[in-house]
Amino acid sequence: NKDGINYYTNSALIYCSTNLIPIGVITQTHNKHSNIN
């Protein structure tokens, strides 16, 4: 983003880093077009 590390999403991650707040992580493994369900 043009605001770099000061962009709100990046700032929120910095906030978690600075304040020792855990964060959840998920990754997509299949999209809906490749899944029989």
ModelCIF file with pLDDT and N, C-alpha, C, O atoms, coordinates in Angstrom:
data_MODEL
#
_entry.id   MODEL 
#
_entity.id                         1 
_entity.type                       polymer 
_entity.pdbx_number_of_molecules   1 
#
_entity_poly.entity_id                      1 
_entity_poly.type                           'polypeptide(L)' 
_entity_poly.nstd_linkage                   no 
_entity_poly.nstd_monomer                   no 
_entity_poly.pdbx_seq_one_letter_code       NKDGINYYTNSALIYCSTNLIPIGVITQTHNKHSNIN 
_entity_poly.pdbx_seq_one_letter_code_can   NKDGINYYTNSALIYCSTNLIPIGVITQTHNKHSNIN 
_entity_poly.pdbx_strand_id                 A 
#
loop_
_entity_poly_seq.entity_id 
_entity_poly_seq.num 
_entity_poly_seq.mon_id 
_entity_poly_seq.hetero 
1 1  ASN n 
1 2  LYS n 
1 3  ASP n 
1 4  GLY n 
1 5  ILE n 
1 6  ASN n 
1 7  TYR n 
1 8  TYR n 
1 9  THR n 
1 10 ASN n 
1 11 SER n 
1 12 ALA n 
1 13 LEU n 
1 14 ILE n 
1 15 TYR n 
1 16 CYS n 
1 17 SER n 
1 18 THR n 
1 19 ASN n 
1 20 LEU n 
1 21 ILE n 
1 22 PRO n 
1 23 ILE n 
1 24 GLY n 
1 25 VAL n 
1 26 ILE n 
1 27 THR n 
1 28 GLN n 
1 29 THR n 
1 30 HIS n 
1 31 ASN n 
1 32 LYS n 
1 33 HIS n 
1 34 SER n 
1 35 ASN n 
1 36 ILE n 
1 37 ASN n 
#
_struct_asym.id          A 
_struct_asym.entity_id   1 
#
loop_
_ma_qa_metric.id 
_ma_qa_metric.mode 
_ma_qa_metric.name 
_ma_qa_metric.software_group_id 
_ma_qa_metric.type 
1 global pLDDT . pLDDT 
2 local  pLDDT . pLDDT 
#
_ma_qa_metric_global.metric_id      1 
_ma_qa_metric_global.metric_value   88.03 
_ma_qa_metric_global.model_id       1 
_ma_qa_metric_global.ordinal_id     1 
#
loop_
_ma_qa_metric_local.label_asym_id 
_ma_qa_metric_local.label_comp_id 
_ma_qa_metric_local.label_seq_id 
_ma_qa_metric_local.metric_id 
_ma_qa_metric_local.metric_value 
_ma_qa_metric_local.model_id 
_ma_qa_metric_local.ordinal_id 
A ASN 1  2 89.00 1 1  
A LYS 2  2 94.00 1 2  
A ASP 3  2 94.00 1 3  
A GLY 4  2 91.00 1 4  
A ILE 5  2 93.00 1 5  
A ASN 6  2 94.00 1 6  
A TYR 7  2 94.00 1 7  
A TYR 8  2 94.00 1 8  
A THR 9  2 93.00 1 9  
A ASN 10 2 95.00 1 10 
A SER 11 2 96.00 1 11 
A ALA 12 2 96.00 1 12 
A LEU 13 2 96.00 1 13 
A ILE 14 2 97.00 1 14 
A TYR 15 2 97.00 1 15 
A CYS 16 2 96.00 1 16 
A SER 17 2 95.00 1 17 
A THR 18 2 95.00 1 18 
A ASN 19 2 95.00 1 19 
A LEU 20 2 95.00 1 20 
A ILE 21 2 97.00 1 21 
A PRO 22 2 97.00 1 22 
A ILE 23 2 96.00 1 23 
A GLY 24 2 94.00 1 24 
A VAL 25 2 92.00 1 25 
A ILE 26 2 89.00 1 26 
A THR 27 2 87.00 1 27 
A GLN 28 2 84.00 1 28 
A THR 29 2 85.00 1 29 
A HIS 30 2 80.00 1 30 
A ASN 31 2 78.00 1 31 
A LYS 32 2 74.00 1 32 
A HIS 33 2 67.00 1 33 
A SER 34 2 63.00 1 34 
A ASN 35 2 56.00 1 35 
A ILE 36 2 64.00 1 36 
A ASN 37 2 65.00 1 37 
#
loop_
_atom_site.group_PDB 
_atom_site.id 
_atom_site.type_symbol 
_atom_site.label_atom_id 
_atom_site.label_alt_id 
_atom_site.label_comp_id 
_atom_site.label_asym_id 
_atom_site.label_entity_id 
_atom_site.label_seq_id 
_atom_site.pdbx_PDB_ins_code 
_atom_site.Cartn_x 
_atom_site.Cartn_y 
_atom_site.Cartn_z 
_atom_site.occupancy 
_atom_site.B_iso_or_equiv 
_atom_site.pdbx_formal_charge 
_atom_site.auth_seq_id 
_atom_site.auth_comp_id 
_atom_site.auth_asym_id 
_atom_site.auth_atom_id 
_atom_site.pdbx_PDB_model_num 
ATOM 1   N N  . ASN A 1 1  ? 0.862   -1.177  0.000  1.00 89.00 ? 1  ASN A N  1 
ATOM 2   C CA . ASN A 1 1  ? 0.000   0.000   0.000  1.00 89.00 ? 1  ASN A CA 1 
ATOM 3   C C  . ASN A 1 1  ? 0.898   1.226   0.000  1.00 89.00 ? 1  ASN A C  1 
ATOM 4   O O  . ASN A 1 1  ? 2.040   1.165   0.456  1.00 89.00 ? 1  ASN A O  1 
ATOM 5   N N  . LYS A 1 2  ? 0.388   2.327   -0.506 1.00 94.00 ? 2  LYS A N  1 
ATOM 6   C CA . LYS A 1 2  ? 1.194   3.553   -0.555 1.00 94.00 ? 2  LYS A CA 1 
ATOM 7   C C  . LYS A 1 2  ? 1.603   4.028   0.842  1.00 94.00 ? 2  LYS A C  1 
ATOM 8   O O  . LYS A 1 2  ? 2.602   4.732   0.982  1.00 94.00 ? 2  LYS A O  1 
ATOM 9   N N  . ASP A 1 3  ? 0.847   3.653   1.872  1.00 94.00 ? 3  ASP A N  1 
ATOM 10  C CA . ASP A 1 3  ? 1.189   4.033   3.245  1.00 94.00 ? 3  ASP A CA 1 
ATOM 11  C C  . ASP A 1 3  ? 2.204   3.085   3.882  1.00 94.00 ? 3  ASP A C  1 
ATOM 12  O O  . ASP A 1 3  ? 2.644   3.307   5.010  1.00 94.00 ? 3  ASP A O  1 
ATOM 13  N N  . GLY A 1 4  ? 2.569   2.043   3.165  1.00 91.00 ? 4  GLY A N  1 
ATOM 14  C CA . GLY A 1 4  ? 3.592   1.108   3.650  1.00 91.00 ? 4  GLY A CA 1 
ATOM 15  C C  . GLY A 1 4  ? 3.220   0.463   4.972  1.00 91.00 ? 4  GLY A C  1 
ATOM 16  O O  . GLY A 1 4  ? 2.087   0.017   5.156  1.00 91.00 ? 4  GLY A O  1 
ATOM 17  N N  . ILE A 1 5  ? 4.170   0.414   5.886  1.00 93.00 ? 5  ILE A N  1 
ATOM 18  C CA . ILE A 1 5  ? 3.968   -0.261  7.172  1.00 93.00 ? 5  ILE A CA 1 
ATOM 19  C C  . ILE A 1 5  ? 2.928   0.466   8.025  1.00 93.00 ? 5  ILE A C  1 
ATOM 20  O O  . ILE A 1 5  ? 2.418   -0.103  8.989  1.00 93.00 ? 5  ILE A O  1 
ATOM 21  N N  . ASN A 1 6  ? 2.607   1.727   7.680  1.00 94.00 ? 6  ASN A N  1 
ATOM 22  C CA . ASN A 1 6  ? 1.596   2.478   8.430  1.00 94.00 ? 6  ASN A CA 1 
ATOM 23  C C  . ASN A 1 6  ? 0.173   2.188   7.971  1.00 94.00 ? 6  ASN A C  1 
ATOM 24  O O  . ASN A 1 6  ? -0.777  2.661   8.595  1.00 94.00 ? 6  ASN A O  1 
ATOM 25  N N  . TYR A 1 7  ? 0.003   1.423   6.897  1.00 94.00 ? 7  TYR A N  1 
ATOM 26  C CA . TYR A 1 7  ? -1.335  1.047   6.444  1.00 94.00 ? 7  TYR A CA 1 
ATOM 27  C C  . TYR A 1 7  ? -2.020  0.272   7.569  1.00 94.00 ? 7  TYR A C  1 
ATOM 28  O O  . TYR A 1 7  ? -1.352  -0.460  8.300  1.00 94.00 ? 7  TYR A O  1 
ATOM 29  N N  . TYR A 1 8  ? -3.336  0.419   7.722  1.00 94.00 ? 8  TYR A N  1 
ATOM 30  C CA . TYR A 1 8  ? -4.026  -0.092  8.905  1.00 94.00 ? 8  TYR A CA 1 
ATOM 31  C C  . TYR A 1 8  ? -3.835  -1.592  9.137  1.00 94.00 ? 8  TYR A C  1 
ATOM 32  O O  . TYR A 1 8  ? -3.718  -2.019  10.286 1.00 94.00 ? 8  TYR A O  1 
ATOM 33  N N  . THR A 1 9  ? -3.802  -2.397  8.081  1.00 93.00 ? 9  THR A N  1 
ATOM 34  C CA . THR A 1 9  ? -3.618  -3.836  8.301  1.00 93.00 ? 9  THR A CA 1 
ATOM 35  C C  . THR A 1 9  ? -2.211  -4.125  8.802  1.00 93.00 ? 9  THR A C  1 
ATOM 36  O O  . THR A 1 9  ? -2.021  -4.948  9.698  1.00 93.00 ? 9  THR A O  1 
ATOM 37  N N  . ASN A 1 10 ? -1.234  -3.453  8.227  1.00 95.00 ? 10 ASN A N  1 
ATOM 38  C CA . ASN A 1 10 ? 0.153   -3.631  8.676  1.00 95.00 ? 10 ASN A CA 1 
ATOM 39  C C  . ASN A 1 10 ? 0.341   -3.105  10.097 1.00 95.00 ? 10 ASN A C  1 
ATOM 40  O O  . ASN A 1 10 ? 1.029   -3.724  10.908 1.00 95.00 ? 10 ASN A O  1 
ATOM 41  N N  . SER A 1 11 ? -0.273  -1.960  10.392 1.00 96.00 ? 11 SER A N  1 
ATOM 42  C CA . SER A 1 11 ? -0.199  -1.406  11.744 1.00 96.00 ? 11 SER A CA 1 
ATOM 43  C C  . SER A 1 11 ? -0.809  -2.355  12.775 1.00 96.00 ? 11 SER A C  1 
ATOM 44  O O  . SER A 1 11 ? -0.319  -2.467  13.899 1.00 96.00 ? 11 SER A O  1 
ATOM 45  N N  . ALA A 1 12 ? -1.880  -3.032  12.375 1.00 96.00 ? 12 ALA A N  1 
ATOM 46  C CA . ALA A 1 12 ? -2.527  -3.985  13.285 1.00 96.00 ? 12 ALA A CA 1 
ATOM 47  C C  . ALA A 1 12 ? -1.601  -5.174  13.569 1.00 96.00 ? 12 ALA A C  1 
ATOM 48  O O  . ALA A 1 12 ? -1.564  -5.682  14.690 1.00 96.00 ? 12 ALA A O  1 
ATOM 49  N N  . LEU A 1 13 ? -0.854  -5.612  12.550 1.00 96.00 ? 13 LEU A N  1 
ATOM 50  C CA . LEU A 1 13 ? 0.120   -6.688  12.779 1.00 96.00 ? 13 LEU A CA 1 
ATOM 51  C C  . LEU A 1 13 ? 1.256   -6.200  13.676 1.00 96.00 ? 13 LEU A C  1 
ATOM 52  O O  . LEU A 1 13 ? 1.711   -6.933  14.554 1.00 96.00 ? 13 LEU A O  1 
ATOM 53  N N  . ILE A 1 14 ? 1.712   -4.978  13.462 1.00 97.00 ? 14 ILE A N  1 
ATOM 54  C CA . ILE A 1 14 ? 2.752   -4.392  14.321 1.00 97.00 ? 14 ILE A CA 1 
ATOM 55  C C  . ILE A 1 14 ? 2.243   -4.327  15.762 1.00 97.00 ? 14 ILE A C  1 
ATOM 56  O O  . ILE A 1 14 ? 2.982   -4.625  16.701 1.00 97.00 ? 14 ILE A O  1 
ATOM 57  N N  . TYR A 1 15 ? 0.983   -3.937  15.931 1.00 97.00 ? 15 TYR A N  1 
ATOM 58  C CA . TYR A 1 15 ? 0.378   -3.872  17.262 1.00 97.00 ? 15 TYR A CA 1 
ATOM 59  C C  . TYR A 1 15 ? 0.446   -5.248  17.941 1.00 97.00 ? 15 TYR A C  1 
ATOM 60  O O  . TYR A 1 15 ? 0.799   -5.351  19.115 1.00 97.00 ? 15 TYR A O  1 
ATOM 61  N N  . CYS A 1 16 ? 0.106   -6.292  17.193 1.00 96.00 ? 16 CYS A N  1 
ATOM 62  C CA . CYS A 1 16 ? 0.171   -7.649  17.751 1.00 96.00 ? 16 CYS A CA 1 
ATOM 63  C C  . CYS A 1 16 ? 1.610   -8.017  18.112 1.00 96.00 ? 16 CYS A C  1 
ATOM 64  O O  . CYS A 1 16 ? 1.858   -8.606  19.164 1.00 96.00 ? 16 CYS A O  1 
ATOM 65  N N  . SER A 1 17 ? 2.535   -7.675  17.257 1.00 95.00 ? 17 SER A N  1 
ATOM 66  C CA . SER A 1 17 ? 3.942   -7.978  17.498 1.00 95.00 ? 17 SER A CA 1 
ATOM 67  C C  . SER A 1 17 ? 4.448   -7.257  18.745 1.00 95.00 ? 17 SER A C  1 
ATOM 68  O O  . SER A 1 17 ? 5.096   -7.865  19.598 1.00 95.00 ? 17 SER A O  1 
ATOM 69  N N  . THR A 1 18 ? 4.156   -5.985  18.847 1.00 95.00 ? 18 THR A N  1 
ATOM 70  C CA . THR A 1 18 ? 4.626   -5.163  19.962 1.00 95.00 ? 18 THR A CA 1 
ATOM 71  C C  . THR A 1 18 ? 3.994   -5.577  21.287 1.00 95.00 ? 18 THR A C  1 
ATOM 72  O O  . THR A 1 18 ? 4.649   -5.553  22.329 1.00 95.00 ? 18 THR A O  1 
ATOM 73  N N  . ASN A 1 19 ? 2.722   -5.956  21.240 1.00 95.00 ? 19 ASN A N  1 
ATOM 74  C CA . ASN A 1 19 ? 1.977   -6.268  22.465 1.00 95.00 ? 19 ASN A CA 1 
ATOM 75  C C  . ASN A 1 19 ? 1.854   -7.756  22.753 1.00 95.00 ? 19 ASN A C  1 
ATOM 76  O O  . ASN A 1 19 ? 1.084   -8.155  23.626 1.00 95.00 ? 19 ASN A O  1 
ATOM 77  N N  . LEU A 1 20 ? 2.603   -8.579  22.030 1.00 95.00 ? 20 LEU A N  1 
ATOM 78  C CA . LEU A 1 20 ? 2.603   -10.036 22.237 1.00 95.00 ? 20 LEU A CA 1 
ATOM 79  C C  . LEU A 1 20 ? 1.200   -10.638 22.159 1.00 95.00 ? 20 LEU A C  1 
ATOM 80  O O  . LEU A 1 20 ? 0.808   -11.444 23.003 1.00 95.00 ? 20 LEU A O  1 
ATOM 81  N N  . ILE A 1 21 ? 0.455   -10.231 21.132 1.00 97.00 ? 21 ILE A N  1 
ATOM 82  C CA . ILE A 1 21 ? -0.897  -10.751 20.928 1.00 97.00 ? 21 ILE A CA 1 
ATOM 83  C C  . ILE A 1 21 ? -0.827  -11.814 19.836 1.00 97.00 ? 21 ILE A C  1 
ATOM 84  O O  . ILE A 1 21 ? -0.406  -11.517 18.718 1.00 97.00 ? 21 ILE A O  1 
ATOM 85  N N  . PRO A 1 22 ? -1.232  -13.042 20.137 1.00 97.00 ? 22 PRO A N  1 
ATOM 86  C CA . PRO A 1 22 ? -1.214  -14.109 19.126 1.00 97.00 ? 22 PRO A CA 1 
ATOM 87  C C  . PRO A 1 22 ? -2.177  -13.806 17.982 1.00 97.00 ? 22 PRO A C  1 
ATOM 88  O O  . PRO A 1 22 ? -3.120  -13.028 18.128 1.00 97.00 ? 22 PRO A O  1 
ATOM 89  N N  . ILE A 1 23 ? -1.916  -14.434 16.855 1.00 96.00 ? 23 ILE A N  1 
ATOM 90  C CA . ILE A 1 23 ? -2.741  -14.247 15.669 1.00 96.00 ? 23 ILE A CA 1 
ATOM 91  C C  . ILE A 1 23 ? -3.028  -15.609 15.044 1.00 96.00 ? 23 ILE A C  1 
ATOM 92  O O  . ILE A 1 23 ? -2.175  -16.497 15.065 1.00 96.00 ? 23 ILE A O  1 
ATOM 93  N N  . GLY A 1 24 ? -4.227  -15.775 14.490 1.00 94.00 ? 24 GLY A N  1 
ATOM 94  C CA . GLY A 1 24 ? -4.584  -17.022 13.820 1.00 94.00 ? 24 GLY A CA 1 
ATOM 95  C C  . GLY A 1 24 ? -4.104  -17.022 12.377 1.00 94.00 ? 24 GLY A C  1 
ATOM 96  O O  . GLY A 1 24 ? -4.027  -15.976 11.734 1.00 94.00 ? 24 GLY A O  1 
ATOM 97  N N  . VAL A 1 25 ? -3.782  -18.209 11.880 1.00 92.00 ? 25 VAL A N  1 
ATOM 98  C CA . VAL A 1 25 ? -3.329  -18.348 10.495 1.00 92.00 ? 25 VAL A CA 1 
ATOM 99  C C  . VAL A 1 25 ? -4.071  -19.502 9.828  1.00 92.00 ? 25 VAL A C  1 
ATOM 100 O O  . VAL A 1 25 ? -4.132  -20.612 10.357 1.00 92.00 ? 25 VAL A O  1 
ATOM 101 N N  . ILE A 1 26 ? -4.643  -19.211 8.635  1.00 89.00 ? 26 ILE A N  1 
ATOM 102 C CA . ILE A 1 26 ? -5.268  -20.246 7.817  1.00 89.00 ? 26 ILE A CA 1 
ATOM 103 C C  . ILE A 1 26 ? -4.776  -20.096 6.380  1.00 89.00 ? 26 ILE A C  1 
ATOM 104 O O  . ILE A 1 26 ? -4.492  -18.991 5.916  1.00 89.00 ? 26 ILE A O  1 
ATOM 105 N N  . THR A 1 27 ? -4.681  -21.220 5.692  1.00 87.00 ? 27 THR A N  1 
ATOM 106 C CA . THR A 1 27 ? -4.305  -21.203 4.278  1.00 87.00 ? 27 THR A CA 1 
ATOM 107 C C  . THR A 1 27 ? -5.295  -22.048 3.494  1.00 87.00 ? 27 THR A C  1 
ATOM 108 O O  . THR A 1 27 ? -5.720  -23.112 3.944  1.00 87.00 ? 27 THR A O  1 
ATOM 109 N N  . GLN A 1 28 ? -5.648  -21.561 2.328  1.00 84.00 ? 28 GLN A N  1 
ATOM 110 C CA . GLN A 1 28 ? -6.563  -22.306 1.466  1.00 84.00 ? 28 GLN A CA 1 
ATOM 111 C C  . GLN A 1 28 ? -5.808  -23.478 0.842  1.00 84.00 ? 28 GLN A C  1 
ATOM 112 O O  . GLN A 1 28 ? -4.698  -23.308 0.337  1.00 84.00 ? 28 GLN A O  1 
ATOM 113 N N  . THR A 1 29 ? -6.410  -24.663 0.878  1.00 85.00 ? 29 THR A N  1 
ATOM 114 C CA . THR A 1 29 ? -5.784  -25.857 0.307  1.00 85.00 ? 29 THR A CA 1 
ATOM 115 C C  . THR A 1 29 ? -6.428  -26.280 -1.005 1.00 85.00 ? 29 THR A C  1 
ATOM 116 O O  . THR A 1 29 ? -5.763  -26.869 -1.859 1.00 85.00 ? 29 THR A O  1 
ATOM 117 N N  . HIS A 1 30 ? -7.705  -25.990 -1.176 1.00 80.00 ? 30 HIS A N  1 
ATOM 118 C CA . HIS A 1 30 ? -8.427  -26.298 -2.414 1.00 80.00 ? 30 HIS A CA 1 
ATOM 119 C C  . HIS A 1 30 ? -9.425  -25.179 -2.664 1.00 80.00 ? 30 HIS A C  1 
ATOM 120 O O  . HIS A 1 30 ? -10.049 -24.675 -1.731 1.00 80.00 ? 30 HIS A O  1 
ATOM 121 N N  . ASN A 1 31 ? -9.573  -24.794 -3.926 1.00 78.00 ? 31 ASN A N  1 
ATOM 122 C CA . ASN A 1 31 ? -10.629 -23.830 -4.211 1.00 78.00 ? 31 ASN A CA 1 
ATOM 123 C C  . ASN A 1 31 ? -11.897 -24.590 -4.593 1.00 78.00 ? 31 ASN A C  1 
ATOM 124 O O  . ASN A 1 31 ? -11.862 -25.800 -4.816 1.00 78.00 ? 31 ASN A O  1 
ATOM 125 N N  . LYS A 1 32 ? -12.992 -23.885 -4.664 1.00 74.00 ? 32 LYS A N  1 
ATOM 126 C CA . LYS A 1 32 ? -14.279 -24.554 -4.877 1.00 74.00 ? 32 LYS A CA 1 
ATOM 127 C C  . LYS A 1 32 ? -14.374 -25.233 -6.227 1.00 74.00 ? 32 LYS A C  1 
ATOM 128 O O  . LYS A 1 32 ? -15.196 -26.133 -6.398 1.00 74.00 ? 32 LYS A O  1 
ATOM 129 N N  . HIS A 1 33 ? -13.565 -24.837 -7.184 1.00 67.00 ? 33 HIS A N  1 
ATOM 130 C CA . HIS A 1 33 ? -13.619 -25.449 -8.510 1.00 67.00 ? 33 HIS A CA 1 
ATOM 131 C C  . HIS A 1 33 ? -12.858 -26.767 -8.576 1.00 67.00 ? 33 HIS A C  1 
ATOM 132 O O  . HIS A 1 33 ? -13.054 -27.547 -9.509 1.00 67.00 ? 33 HIS A O  1 
ATOM 133 N N  . SER A 1 34 ? -11.990 -27.027 -7.597 1.00 63.00 ? 34 SER A N  1 
ATOM 134 C CA . SER A 1 34 ? -11.203 -28.260 -7.625 1.00 63.00 ? 34 SER A CA 1 
ATOM 135 C C  . SER A 1 34 ? -11.676 -29.268 -6.589 1.00 63.00 ? 34 SER A C  1 
ATOM 136 O O  . SER A 1 34 ? -11.076 -30.331 -6.432 1.00 63.00 ? 34 SER A O  1 
ATOM 137 N N  . ASN A 1 35 ? -12.739 -28.941 -5.891 1.00 56.00 ? 35 ASN A N  1 
ATOM 138 C CA . ASN A 1 35 ? -13.187 -29.782 -4.793 1.00 56.00 ? 35 ASN A CA 1 
ATOM 139 C C  . ASN A 1 35 ? -14.533 -30.424 -5.150 1.00 56.00 ? 35 ASN A C  1 
ATOM 140 O O  . ASN A 1 35 ? -15.451 -29.737 -5.599 1.00 56.00 ? 35 ASN A O  1 
ATOM 141 N N  . ILE A 1 36 ? -14.646 -31.713 -4.955 1.00 64.00 ? 36 ILE A N  1 
ATOM 142 C CA . ILE A 1 36 ? -15.893 -32.401 -5.301 1.00 64.00 ? 36 ILE A CA 1 
ATOM 143 C C  . ILE A 1 36 ? -17.075 -31.952 -4.446 1.00 64.00 ? 36 ILE A C  1 
ATOM 144 O O  . ILE A 1 36 ? -18.227 -32.152 -4.830 1.00 64.00 ? 36 ILE A O  1 
ATOM 145 N N  . ASN A 1 37 ? -16.801 -31.349 -3.295 1.00 65.00 ? 37 ASN A N  1 
ATOM 146 C CA . ASN A 1 37 ? -17.872 -30.874 -2.428 1.00 65.00 ? 37 ASN A CA 1 
ATOM 147 C C  . ASN A 1 37 ? -18.331 -29.465 -2.775 1.00 65.00 ? 37 ASN A C  1 
ATOM 148 O O  . ASN A 1 37 ? -19.231 -28.932 -2.127 1.00 65.00 ? 37 ASN A O  1 
#
